[in-house]
């Protein structure tokens, strides 16, 4: 079985990727290859950050690798938090603080339309590939649900009455931005 590194140590993302990609590849984490460095994400685009992370690992470890970057774009906030979604409330990657800041900024807004976008950058046999996924929806007035991570408790996807955090992992993966990008990656890898 061919091994491929997912440039993350986020256990939720690893579980999602392994479930979607299946048994064609052994998906390993940064920790599995002994990478404990803080990988730079200095681009102003999701694609730029995904490529930056994949290239960083490929150049230092010489492995097949894919990396992702995801952003939540809220229409009435001019696309915020966007590429800064994980660090919206500060550098600590604090999901609860990020969500609180988002809800505070939306308190007086009637337009709560938003979308999630994920870009996956793959470097396989020294060639680069890009896969994108998007899901439209809206931001709830308050968090609901215990599943998922990040902004999942406040994101209600289009044609749904519940947040991502109220869905099973399987149901979320069927329609989520990351699920869509990862399925494109999985189809390519097959």
N, C-alpha and C. Protein backbone atom coordinates (compact mmCIF):
# COMPACT_ATOMS: atom_id res chain seq x y z
N UNK A 1 0.85 -1.19 0.00
CA UNK A 1 0.00 0.00 0.00
C UNK A 1 0.89 1.24 0.00
N UNK A 2 0.56 2.18 -0.87
CA UNK A 2 1.34 3.41 -0.99
C UNK A 2 1.01 4.33 0.18
N UNK A 3 2.05 4.93 0.73
CA UNK A 3 1.90 5.85 1.87
C UNK A 3 1.87 7.28 1.36
N UNK A 4 1.01 8.09 1.97
CA UNK A 4 0.95 9.50 1.63
C UNK A 4 0.75 10.29 2.92
N UNK A 5 1.47 11.38 3.05
CA UNK A 5 1.41 12.20 4.25
C UNK A 5 0.31 13.25 4.09
N UNK A 6 -0.52 13.37 5.10
CA UNK A 6 -1.47 14.48 5.18
C UNK A 6 -0.82 15.49 6.11
N UNK A 7 -0.49 16.66 5.61
CA UNK A 7 0.25 17.67 6.37
C UNK A 7 -0.63 18.30 7.44
N UNK A 8 -0.98 17.48 8.43
CA UNK A 8 -1.79 17.94 9.56
C UNK A 8 -1.52 17.05 10.77
N UNK A 9 -1.81 17.58 11.94
CA UNK A 9 -1.87 16.78 13.15
C UNK A 9 -3.26 16.86 13.76
N UNK A 10 -4.21 17.44 13.00
CA UNK A 10 -5.59 17.55 13.46
C UNK A 10 -6.26 16.18 13.31
N UNK A 11 -6.59 15.57 14.44
CA UNK A 11 -7.13 14.20 14.41
C UNK A 11 -8.47 14.14 13.69
N UNK A 12 -9.28 15.21 13.78
CA UNK A 12 -10.57 15.23 13.08
C UNK A 12 -10.36 15.19 11.57
N UNK A 13 -9.43 16.00 11.08
CA UNK A 13 -9.16 16.02 9.64
C UNK A 13 -8.60 14.68 9.17
N UNK A 14 -7.72 14.08 9.99
CA UNK A 14 -7.15 12.79 9.62
C UNK A 14 -8.23 11.73 9.50
N UNK A 15 -9.15 11.68 10.47
CA UNK A 15 -10.25 10.71 10.42
C UNK A 15 -11.09 10.91 9.17
N UNK A 16 -11.43 12.16 8.87
CA UNK A 16 -12.22 12.45 7.66
C UNK A 16 -11.50 11.98 6.41
N UNK A 17 -10.23 12.32 6.29
CA UNK A 17 -9.46 11.96 5.10
C UNK A 17 -9.36 10.45 4.95
N UNK A 18 -9.06 9.75 6.04
CA UNK A 18 -8.94 8.29 5.98
C UNK A 18 -10.27 7.65 5.59
N UNK A 19 -11.37 8.18 6.11
CA UNK A 19 -12.69 7.62 5.78
C UNK A 19 -13.03 7.83 4.31
N UNK A 20 -12.67 8.99 3.78
CA UNK A 20 -13.02 9.31 2.39
C UNK A 20 -12.09 8.64 1.39
N UNK A 21 -10.79 8.64 1.67
CA UNK A 21 -9.82 8.07 0.73
C UNK A 21 -9.83 6.56 0.76
N UNK A 22 -10.17 6.00 1.92
CA UNK A 22 -10.32 4.55 2.00
C UNK A 22 -8.99 3.82 2.06
N UNK A 23 -9.00 2.61 1.53
CA UNK A 23 -7.86 1.71 1.69
C UNK A 23 -6.83 1.78 0.57
N UNK A 24 -6.99 2.71 -0.36
CA UNK A 24 -6.04 2.78 -1.47
C UNK A 24 -4.67 3.28 -1.04
N UNK A 25 -4.65 4.12 -0.01
CA UNK A 25 -3.41 4.71 0.48
C UNK A 25 -3.40 4.64 2.00
N UNK A 26 -2.21 4.51 2.57
CA UNK A 26 -2.06 4.66 4.01
C UNK A 26 -1.82 6.14 4.27
N UNK A 27 -2.76 6.78 4.97
CA UNK A 27 -2.66 8.21 5.26
C UNK A 27 -1.96 8.37 6.60
N UNK A 28 -0.83 9.08 6.60
CA UNK A 28 -0.08 9.29 7.83
C UNK A 28 -0.02 10.78 8.15
N UNK A 29 0.17 11.09 9.42
CA UNK A 29 0.17 12.48 9.88
C UNK A 29 1.60 13.02 9.93
N UNK A 30 1.70 14.31 10.23
CA UNK A 30 3.01 14.92 10.42
C UNK A 30 3.75 14.28 11.57
N UNK A 31 3.02 13.98 12.64
CA UNK A 31 3.65 13.33 13.79
C UNK A 31 4.23 11.97 13.39
N UNK A 32 3.52 11.25 12.54
CA UNK A 32 3.98 9.93 12.10
C UNK A 32 5.31 9.99 11.36
N UNK A 33 5.62 11.12 10.71
CA UNK A 33 6.90 11.24 10.00
C UNK A 33 7.92 12.03 10.82
N UNK A 34 7.56 12.38 12.05
CA UNK A 34 8.49 13.08 12.93
C UNK A 34 8.61 14.57 12.65
N UNK A 35 7.59 15.15 12.03
CA UNK A 35 7.60 16.59 11.77
C UNK A 35 6.87 17.30 12.91
N UNK A 36 7.63 18.07 13.68
CA UNK A 36 7.06 18.80 14.82
C UNK A 36 7.22 20.31 14.64
N UNK A 37 7.54 20.71 13.42
CA UNK A 37 7.75 22.12 13.13
C UNK A 37 6.41 22.81 12.91
N UNK A 38 6.40 24.11 13.12
CA UNK A 38 5.23 24.91 12.82
C UNK A 38 5.34 25.31 11.34
N UNK A 39 4.49 24.73 10.51
CA UNK A 39 4.57 24.97 9.06
C UNK A 39 3.99 26.34 8.75
N UNK A 40 4.73 27.15 8.01
CA UNK A 40 4.24 28.50 7.70
C UNK A 40 2.98 28.48 6.84
N UNK A 41 2.09 29.43 7.13
CA UNK A 41 0.89 29.68 6.32
C UNK A 41 0.81 31.19 6.16
N UNK A 42 1.54 31.71 5.19
CA UNK A 42 1.65 33.16 5.06
C UNK A 42 0.98 33.69 3.80
N UNK A 43 0.32 32.84 3.05
CA UNK A 43 -0.35 33.28 1.83
C UNK A 43 -1.66 33.98 2.17
N UNK A 44 -2.14 34.78 1.25
CA UNK A 44 -3.43 35.45 1.43
C UNK A 44 -4.56 34.68 0.76
N UNK A 45 -4.25 33.46 0.24
CA UNK A 45 -5.28 32.62 -0.37
C UNK A 45 -5.23 31.22 0.21
N UNK A 46 -6.36 30.53 0.13
CA UNK A 46 -6.42 29.14 0.59
C UNK A 46 -5.49 28.27 -0.25
N UNK A 47 -5.53 28.44 -1.56
CA UNK A 47 -4.67 27.66 -2.45
C UNK A 47 -3.20 27.89 -2.13
N UNK A 48 -2.83 29.15 -1.91
CA UNK A 48 -1.45 29.47 -1.58
C UNK A 48 -0.99 28.80 -0.29
N UNK A 49 -1.83 28.82 0.73
CA UNK A 49 -1.47 28.18 2.00
C UNK A 49 -1.37 26.67 1.86
N UNK A 50 -2.31 26.05 1.14
CA UNK A 50 -2.27 24.60 0.95
C UNK A 50 -1.00 24.19 0.22
N UNK A 51 -0.68 24.92 -0.85
CA UNK A 51 0.55 24.63 -1.59
C UNK A 51 1.80 24.86 -0.74
N UNK A 52 1.78 25.93 0.04
CA UNK A 52 2.93 26.25 0.89
C UNK A 52 3.21 25.11 1.88
N UNK A 53 2.15 24.60 2.49
CA UNK A 53 2.31 23.50 3.46
C UNK A 53 2.78 22.22 2.77
N UNK A 54 2.18 21.89 1.62
CA UNK A 54 2.57 20.67 0.92
C UNK A 54 4.03 20.76 0.45
N UNK A 55 4.41 21.90 -0.10
CA UNK A 55 5.79 22.07 -0.58
C UNK A 55 6.79 22.00 0.58
N UNK A 56 6.42 22.57 1.71
CA UNK A 56 7.30 22.56 2.89
C UNK A 56 7.63 21.12 3.29
N UNK A 57 6.61 20.29 3.37
CA UNK A 57 6.82 18.89 3.77
C UNK A 57 7.54 18.11 2.67
N UNK A 58 7.14 18.31 1.43
CA UNK A 58 7.77 17.61 0.32
C UNK A 58 9.26 17.94 0.23
N UNK A 59 9.60 19.22 0.37
CA UNK A 59 10.99 19.65 0.26
C UNK A 59 11.85 19.13 1.40
N UNK A 60 11.29 19.05 2.61
CA UNK A 60 12.08 18.65 3.77
C UNK A 60 12.13 17.14 3.99
N UNK A 61 11.06 16.44 3.59
CA UNK A 61 10.98 15.00 3.88
C UNK A 61 10.99 14.13 2.63
N UNK A 62 10.84 14.74 1.45
CA UNK A 62 10.90 13.97 0.21
C UNK A 62 9.79 12.95 0.07
N UNK A 63 8.60 13.27 0.55
CA UNK A 63 7.48 12.32 0.55
C UNK A 63 6.33 12.83 -0.32
N UNK A 64 5.48 11.90 -0.74
CA UNK A 64 4.21 12.28 -1.35
C UNK A 64 3.36 12.87 -0.23
N UNK A 65 2.70 13.99 -0.51
CA UNK A 65 2.02 14.72 0.56
C UNK A 65 0.82 15.48 0.01
N UNK A 66 -0.18 15.64 0.86
CA UNK A 66 -1.24 16.60 0.54
C UNK A 66 -1.50 17.44 1.77
N UNK A 67 -1.93 18.66 1.52
CA UNK A 67 -2.22 19.61 2.59
C UNK A 67 -3.50 20.34 2.20
N UNK A 68 -4.19 20.83 3.21
CA UNK A 68 -5.42 21.56 2.91
C UNK A 68 -5.42 22.89 3.63
N UNK A 69 -6.23 23.78 3.14
CA UNK A 69 -6.55 24.99 3.87
C UNK A 69 -8.02 25.25 3.65
N UNK A 70 -8.68 25.67 4.71
CA UNK A 70 -10.12 25.88 4.68
C UNK A 70 -10.42 27.26 5.22
N UNK A 71 -11.43 27.87 4.64
CA UNK A 71 -11.87 29.15 5.14
C UNK A 71 -13.38 29.24 5.15
N UNK A 72 -13.89 29.96 6.12
CA UNK A 72 -15.31 30.29 6.20
C UNK A 72 -15.45 31.72 5.72
N UNK A 73 -16.27 31.94 4.71
CA UNK A 73 -16.46 33.26 4.16
C UNK A 73 -17.90 33.71 4.42
N UNK A 74 -18.06 34.80 5.16
CA UNK A 74 -19.38 35.31 5.50
C UNK A 74 -19.65 36.55 4.66
N UNK A 75 -20.73 36.51 3.89
CA UNK A 75 -21.03 37.58 2.92
C UNK A 75 -21.08 38.95 3.57
N UNK A 76 -21.85 39.10 4.65
CA UNK A 76 -22.05 40.42 5.24
C UNK A 76 -20.81 40.95 5.97
N UNK A 77 -19.79 40.12 6.11
CA UNK A 77 -18.54 40.54 6.73
C UNK A 77 -17.44 40.70 5.67
N UNK A 78 -17.85 40.82 4.42
CA UNK A 78 -16.88 41.02 3.35
C UNK A 78 -15.96 39.83 3.14
N UNK A 79 -16.45 38.62 3.46
CA UNK A 79 -15.65 37.42 3.28
C UNK A 79 -14.86 36.99 4.50
N UNK A 80 -14.97 37.74 5.60
CA UNK A 80 -14.31 37.31 6.85
C UNK A 80 -14.99 36.04 7.36
N UNK A 81 -14.27 35.26 8.13
CA UNK A 81 -12.84 35.33 8.47
C UNK A 81 -11.92 34.84 7.35
N UNK A 82 -12.45 34.14 6.35
CA UNK A 82 -11.67 33.77 5.17
C UNK A 82 -10.43 32.97 5.48
N UNK A 83 -9.32 33.39 4.88
CA UNK A 83 -8.06 32.66 5.03
C UNK A 83 -7.57 32.69 6.48
N UNK A 84 -8.13 33.58 7.29
CA UNK A 84 -7.72 33.69 8.70
C UNK A 84 -8.68 32.95 9.64
N UNK A 85 -9.50 32.06 9.13
CA UNK A 85 -10.54 31.39 9.92
C UNK A 85 -10.00 30.71 11.18
N UNK A 86 -8.90 30.01 11.07
CA UNK A 86 -8.37 29.28 12.23
C UNK A 86 -7.79 30.21 13.29
N UNK A 87 -7.39 31.42 12.87
CA UNK A 87 -6.75 32.36 13.78
C UNK A 87 -7.57 33.65 13.93
N UNK A 88 -8.86 33.56 13.70
CA UNK A 88 -9.72 34.74 13.66
C UNK A 88 -9.67 35.54 14.96
N UNK A 89 -9.67 34.86 16.09
CA UNK A 89 -9.67 35.54 17.39
C UNK A 89 -8.26 35.69 17.96
N UNK A 90 -7.26 35.31 17.19
CA UNK A 90 -5.88 35.39 17.66
C UNK A 90 -5.09 34.17 17.25
N UNK A 91 -3.80 34.15 17.57
CA UNK A 91 -2.91 33.10 17.07
C UNK A 91 -3.11 31.72 17.70
N UNK A 92 -3.94 31.59 18.71
CA UNK A 92 -4.04 30.32 19.44
C UNK A 92 -4.89 29.23 18.82
N UNK A 93 -5.46 29.45 17.63
CA UNK A 93 -6.33 28.44 17.00
C UNK A 93 -7.44 27.99 17.96
N UNK A 94 -8.07 28.94 18.65
CA UNK A 94 -9.11 28.65 19.64
C UNK A 94 -10.48 28.70 18.96
N UNK A 95 -11.05 27.52 18.67
CA UNK A 95 -12.31 27.43 17.93
C UNK A 95 -13.45 28.15 18.65
N UNK A 96 -13.53 27.99 19.96
CA UNK A 96 -14.62 28.62 20.71
C UNK A 96 -14.50 30.15 20.65
N UNK A 97 -13.29 30.66 20.79
CA UNK A 97 -13.07 32.11 20.72
C UNK A 97 -13.36 32.62 19.31
N UNK A 98 -12.95 31.87 18.29
CA UNK A 98 -13.24 32.26 16.90
C UNK A 98 -14.75 32.35 16.67
N UNK A 99 -15.48 31.36 17.16
CA UNK A 99 -16.93 31.33 16.98
C UNK A 99 -17.59 32.48 17.72
N UNK A 100 -17.14 32.76 18.95
CA UNK A 100 -17.69 33.89 19.71
C UNK A 100 -17.48 35.21 18.96
N UNK A 101 -16.29 35.39 18.42
CA UNK A 101 -16.00 36.63 17.68
C UNK A 101 -16.90 36.73 16.45
N UNK A 102 -17.06 35.64 15.74
CA UNK A 102 -17.92 35.64 14.55
C UNK A 102 -19.35 36.00 14.92
N UNK A 103 -19.90 35.38 15.94
CA UNK A 103 -21.28 35.65 16.34
C UNK A 103 -21.45 37.09 16.82
N UNK A 104 -20.44 37.61 17.52
CA UNK A 104 -20.48 39.02 17.95
C UNK A 104 -20.54 39.96 16.75
N UNK A 105 -19.72 39.68 15.75
CA UNK A 105 -19.69 40.55 14.56
C UNK A 105 -20.97 40.45 13.74
N UNK A 106 -21.72 39.37 13.91
CA UNK A 106 -22.96 39.17 13.15
C UNK A 106 -24.22 39.59 13.91
N UNK A 107 -24.06 40.04 15.16
CA UNK A 107 -25.23 40.34 16.00
C UNK A 107 -26.24 41.25 15.33
N UNK A 108 -25.80 42.28 14.63
CA UNK A 108 -26.73 43.23 14.02
C UNK A 108 -26.93 43.01 12.52
N UNK A 109 -26.51 41.87 12.03
CA UNK A 109 -26.61 41.58 10.59
C UNK A 109 -27.79 40.65 10.30
N UNK A 110 -28.57 41.01 9.29
CA UNK A 110 -29.67 40.13 8.88
C UNK A 110 -29.19 39.12 7.84
N UNK A 111 -28.19 39.50 7.05
CA UNK A 111 -27.62 38.59 6.05
C UNK A 111 -26.59 37.70 6.73
N UNK A 112 -26.93 36.43 6.89
CA UNK A 112 -26.03 35.49 7.55
C UNK A 112 -25.52 34.43 6.57
N UNK A 113 -25.64 34.73 5.26
CA UNK A 113 -25.18 33.79 4.24
C UNK A 113 -23.66 33.65 4.31
N UNK A 114 -23.21 32.43 4.08
CA UNK A 114 -21.79 32.13 4.18
C UNK A 114 -21.48 30.89 3.34
N UNK A 115 -20.21 30.66 3.14
CA UNK A 115 -19.80 29.39 2.53
C UNK A 115 -18.44 28.98 3.09
N UNK A 116 -18.24 27.69 3.10
CA UNK A 116 -16.95 27.11 3.45
C UNK A 116 -16.27 26.70 2.15
N UNK A 117 -14.99 26.95 2.04
CA UNK A 117 -14.19 26.47 0.92
C UNK A 117 -12.97 25.74 1.47
N UNK A 118 -12.65 24.64 0.82
CA UNK A 118 -11.42 23.90 1.13
C UNK A 118 -10.64 23.72 -0.15
N UNK A 119 -9.35 23.95 -0.07
CA UNK A 119 -8.44 23.66 -1.17
C UNK A 119 -7.45 22.61 -0.67
N UNK A 120 -7.30 21.54 -1.44
CA UNK A 120 -6.34 20.49 -1.14
C UNK A 120 -5.25 20.56 -2.20
N UNK A 121 -4.01 20.65 -1.75
CA UNK A 121 -2.85 20.63 -2.65
C UNK A 121 -2.14 19.29 -2.48
N UNK A 122 -1.95 18.61 -3.57
CA UNK A 122 -1.29 17.30 -3.57
C UNK A 122 0.02 17.40 -4.32
N UNK A 123 1.07 16.84 -3.74
CA UNK A 123 2.33 16.65 -4.47
C UNK A 123 2.56 15.14 -4.50
N UNK A 124 2.41 14.58 -5.69
CA UNK A 124 2.53 13.14 -5.90
C UNK A 124 3.55 12.91 -7.01
N UNK A 125 4.58 12.16 -6.69
CA UNK A 125 5.64 11.89 -7.66
C UNK A 125 6.17 13.19 -8.29
N UNK A 126 6.38 14.18 -7.43
CA UNK A 126 6.96 15.48 -7.79
C UNK A 126 6.08 16.35 -8.70
N UNK A 127 4.79 16.01 -8.82
CA UNK A 127 3.86 16.85 -9.58
C UNK A 127 2.81 17.41 -8.64
N UNK A 128 2.39 18.67 -8.90
CA UNK A 128 1.42 19.35 -8.03
C UNK A 128 0.02 19.33 -8.65
N UNK A 129 -0.97 19.11 -7.78
CA UNK A 129 -2.37 19.08 -8.19
C UNK A 129 -3.19 19.84 -7.15
N UNK A 130 -4.29 20.45 -7.60
CA UNK A 130 -5.18 21.21 -6.71
C UNK A 130 -6.61 20.67 -6.83
N UNK A 131 -7.27 20.51 -5.69
CA UNK A 131 -8.67 20.07 -5.64
C UNK A 131 -9.43 21.02 -4.73
N UNK A 132 -10.63 21.42 -5.15
CA UNK A 132 -11.41 22.38 -4.36
C UNK A 132 -12.78 21.82 -4.03
N UNK A 133 -13.29 22.24 -2.88
CA UNK A 133 -14.64 21.90 -2.46
C UNK A 133 -15.29 23.10 -1.80
N UNK A 134 -16.59 23.23 -1.99
CA UNK A 134 -17.32 24.38 -1.43
C UNK A 134 -18.70 23.91 -1.01
N UNK A 135 -19.17 24.50 0.10
CA UNK A 135 -20.56 24.28 0.51
C UNK A 135 -21.12 25.63 0.97
N UNK A 136 -22.31 25.94 0.45
CA UNK A 136 -22.99 27.18 0.83
C UNK A 136 -23.91 26.92 2.01
N UNK A 137 -24.20 27.98 2.75
CA UNK A 137 -25.09 27.85 3.89
C UNK A 137 -25.28 29.19 4.57
N UNK A 138 -25.50 29.11 5.88
CA UNK A 138 -25.71 30.33 6.66
C UNK A 138 -25.20 30.10 8.08
N UNK A 139 -25.01 31.20 8.79
CA UNK A 139 -24.52 31.14 10.17
C UNK A 139 -25.71 31.21 11.12
N UNK A 140 -25.77 30.25 12.02
CA UNK A 140 -26.83 30.21 13.03
C UNK A 140 -26.64 31.34 14.04
N UNK A 141 -27.68 31.63 14.79
CA UNK A 141 -27.60 32.69 15.81
C UNK A 141 -26.85 32.25 17.05
N UNK A 142 -26.79 30.94 17.28
CA UNK A 142 -26.09 30.41 18.45
C UNK A 142 -25.58 29.01 18.12
N UNK A 143 -24.54 28.54 18.81
CA UNK A 143 -23.99 27.21 18.55
C UNK A 143 -24.98 26.11 18.92
N UNK A 144 -24.94 25.04 18.13
CA UNK A 144 -25.80 23.89 18.39
C UNK A 144 -25.12 22.62 17.89
N UNK A 145 -25.08 21.61 18.76
CA UNK A 145 -24.49 20.33 18.38
C UNK A 145 -23.15 20.10 19.04
N UNK A 146 -22.82 18.84 19.19
CA UNK A 146 -21.59 18.44 19.89
C UNK A 146 -20.55 17.80 18.97
N UNK A 147 -20.92 17.51 17.74
CA UNK A 147 -20.00 16.82 16.83
C UNK A 147 -19.20 17.84 16.05
N UNK A 148 -18.24 17.34 15.27
CA UNK A 148 -17.47 18.22 14.41
C UNK A 148 -16.47 19.06 15.17
N UNK A 149 -16.01 20.13 14.52
CA UNK A 149 -14.99 20.99 15.13
C UNK A 149 -15.02 22.34 14.43
N UNK A 150 -14.25 23.28 14.93
CA UNK A 150 -14.20 24.60 14.32
C UNK A 150 -15.54 25.31 14.37
N UNK A 151 -15.98 25.81 13.24
CA UNK A 151 -17.24 26.56 13.15
C UNK A 151 -18.45 25.66 12.95
N UNK A 152 -18.28 24.34 12.99
CA UNK A 152 -19.38 23.40 12.75
C UNK A 152 -20.63 23.68 13.58
N UNK A 153 -20.51 24.09 14.86
CA UNK A 153 -21.73 24.33 15.65
C UNK A 153 -22.57 25.52 15.20
N UNK A 154 -22.03 26.39 14.32
CA UNK A 154 -22.82 27.55 13.87
C UNK A 154 -23.06 27.57 12.36
N UNK A 155 -22.56 26.57 11.63
CA UNK A 155 -22.75 26.55 10.18
C UNK A 155 -23.87 25.60 9.80
N UNK A 156 -24.90 26.14 9.17
CA UNK A 156 -26.03 25.35 8.69
C UNK A 156 -25.91 25.27 7.17
N UNK A 157 -25.60 24.09 6.62
CA UNK A 157 -25.46 23.99 5.17
C UNK A 157 -26.80 24.16 4.45
N UNK A 158 -26.72 24.60 3.21
CA UNK A 158 -27.88 24.77 2.36
C UNK A 158 -28.74 23.50 2.37
N UNK A 159 -30.04 23.67 2.35
CA UNK A 159 -31.00 22.56 2.33
C UNK A 159 -30.94 21.69 3.58
N UNK A 160 -30.50 22.26 4.69
CA UNK A 160 -30.45 21.53 5.96
C UNK A 160 -31.08 22.39 7.05
N UNK A 161 -31.64 21.72 8.04
CA UNK A 161 -32.21 22.43 9.19
C UNK A 161 -31.29 22.36 10.40
N UNK A 162 -30.16 21.65 10.26
CA UNK A 162 -29.25 21.45 11.40
C UNK A 162 -27.84 21.89 11.03
N UNK A 163 -27.04 22.18 12.05
CA UNK A 163 -25.64 22.56 11.85
C UNK A 163 -24.80 21.32 11.53
N UNK A 164 -23.59 21.57 11.02
CA UNK A 164 -22.65 20.47 10.81
C UNK A 164 -22.40 19.70 12.11
N UNK A 165 -22.39 20.41 13.24
CA UNK A 165 -22.11 19.78 14.54
C UNK A 165 -23.25 18.90 15.02
N UNK A 166 -24.41 18.97 14.37
CA UNK A 166 -25.54 18.11 14.73
C UNK A 166 -25.64 16.90 13.81
N UNK A 167 -24.79 16.83 12.80
CA UNK A 167 -24.82 15.74 11.82
C UNK A 167 -23.84 14.64 12.21
N UNK A 168 -24.12 13.43 11.76
CA UNK A 168 -23.14 12.36 11.91
C UNK A 168 -21.95 12.68 11.01
N UNK A 169 -20.81 12.10 11.31
CA UNK A 169 -19.62 12.33 10.49
C UNK A 169 -19.88 11.91 9.05
N UNK A 170 -20.59 10.81 8.87
CA UNK A 170 -20.89 10.31 7.53
C UNK A 170 -21.75 11.30 6.75
N UNK A 171 -22.80 11.81 7.39
CA UNK A 171 -23.67 12.78 6.71
C UNK A 171 -22.92 14.06 6.38
N UNK A 172 -22.10 14.54 7.31
CA UNK A 172 -21.33 15.75 7.07
C UNK A 172 -20.36 15.55 5.90
N UNK A 173 -19.65 14.42 5.89
CA UNK A 173 -18.67 14.16 4.84
C UNK A 173 -19.30 14.12 3.44
N UNK A 174 -20.57 13.74 3.37
CA UNK A 174 -21.26 13.67 2.08
C UNK A 174 -21.42 15.04 1.45
N UNK A 175 -21.59 16.08 2.27
CA UNK A 175 -21.90 17.40 1.72
C UNK A 175 -20.87 18.48 2.06
N UNK A 176 -19.94 18.20 2.94
CA UNK A 176 -19.03 19.27 3.40
C UNK A 176 -18.02 19.67 2.33
N UNK A 177 -17.50 20.86 2.49
CA UNK A 177 -16.46 21.41 1.64
C UNK A 177 -15.23 20.51 1.61
N UNK A 178 -14.77 20.09 2.79
CA UNK A 178 -13.59 19.24 2.86
C UNK A 178 -13.91 17.87 2.26
N UNK A 179 -15.12 17.37 2.54
CA UNK A 179 -15.53 16.09 1.96
C UNK A 179 -15.52 16.14 0.44
N UNK A 180 -16.01 17.23 -0.12
CA UNK A 180 -16.04 17.38 -1.59
C UNK A 180 -14.64 17.45 -2.17
N UNK A 181 -13.75 18.23 -1.53
CA UNK A 181 -12.37 18.34 -2.01
C UNK A 181 -11.65 17.00 -1.85
N UNK A 182 -11.87 16.33 -0.71
CA UNK A 182 -11.20 15.05 -0.47
C UNK A 182 -11.70 13.96 -1.42
N UNK A 183 -12.99 13.99 -1.78
CA UNK A 183 -13.51 13.01 -2.74
C UNK A 183 -12.87 13.22 -4.13
N UNK A 184 -12.65 14.47 -4.50
CA UNK A 184 -11.95 14.76 -5.76
C UNK A 184 -10.53 14.20 -5.69
N UNK A 185 -9.87 14.41 -4.54
CA UNK A 185 -8.53 13.86 -4.33
C UNK A 185 -8.57 12.33 -4.40
N UNK A 186 -9.53 11.71 -3.71
CA UNK A 186 -9.65 10.25 -3.68
C UNK A 186 -9.89 9.70 -5.08
N UNK A 187 -10.78 10.35 -5.84
CA UNK A 187 -11.04 9.89 -7.23
C UNK A 187 -9.78 9.98 -8.07
N UNK A 188 -9.02 11.04 -7.88
CA UNK A 188 -7.77 11.20 -8.61
C UNK A 188 -6.77 10.09 -8.24
N UNK A 189 -6.68 9.80 -6.93
CA UNK A 189 -5.71 8.79 -6.46
C UNK A 189 -6.06 7.38 -6.93
N UNK A 190 -7.35 7.16 -7.17
CA UNK A 190 -7.77 5.82 -7.66
C UNK A 190 -7.31 5.62 -9.10
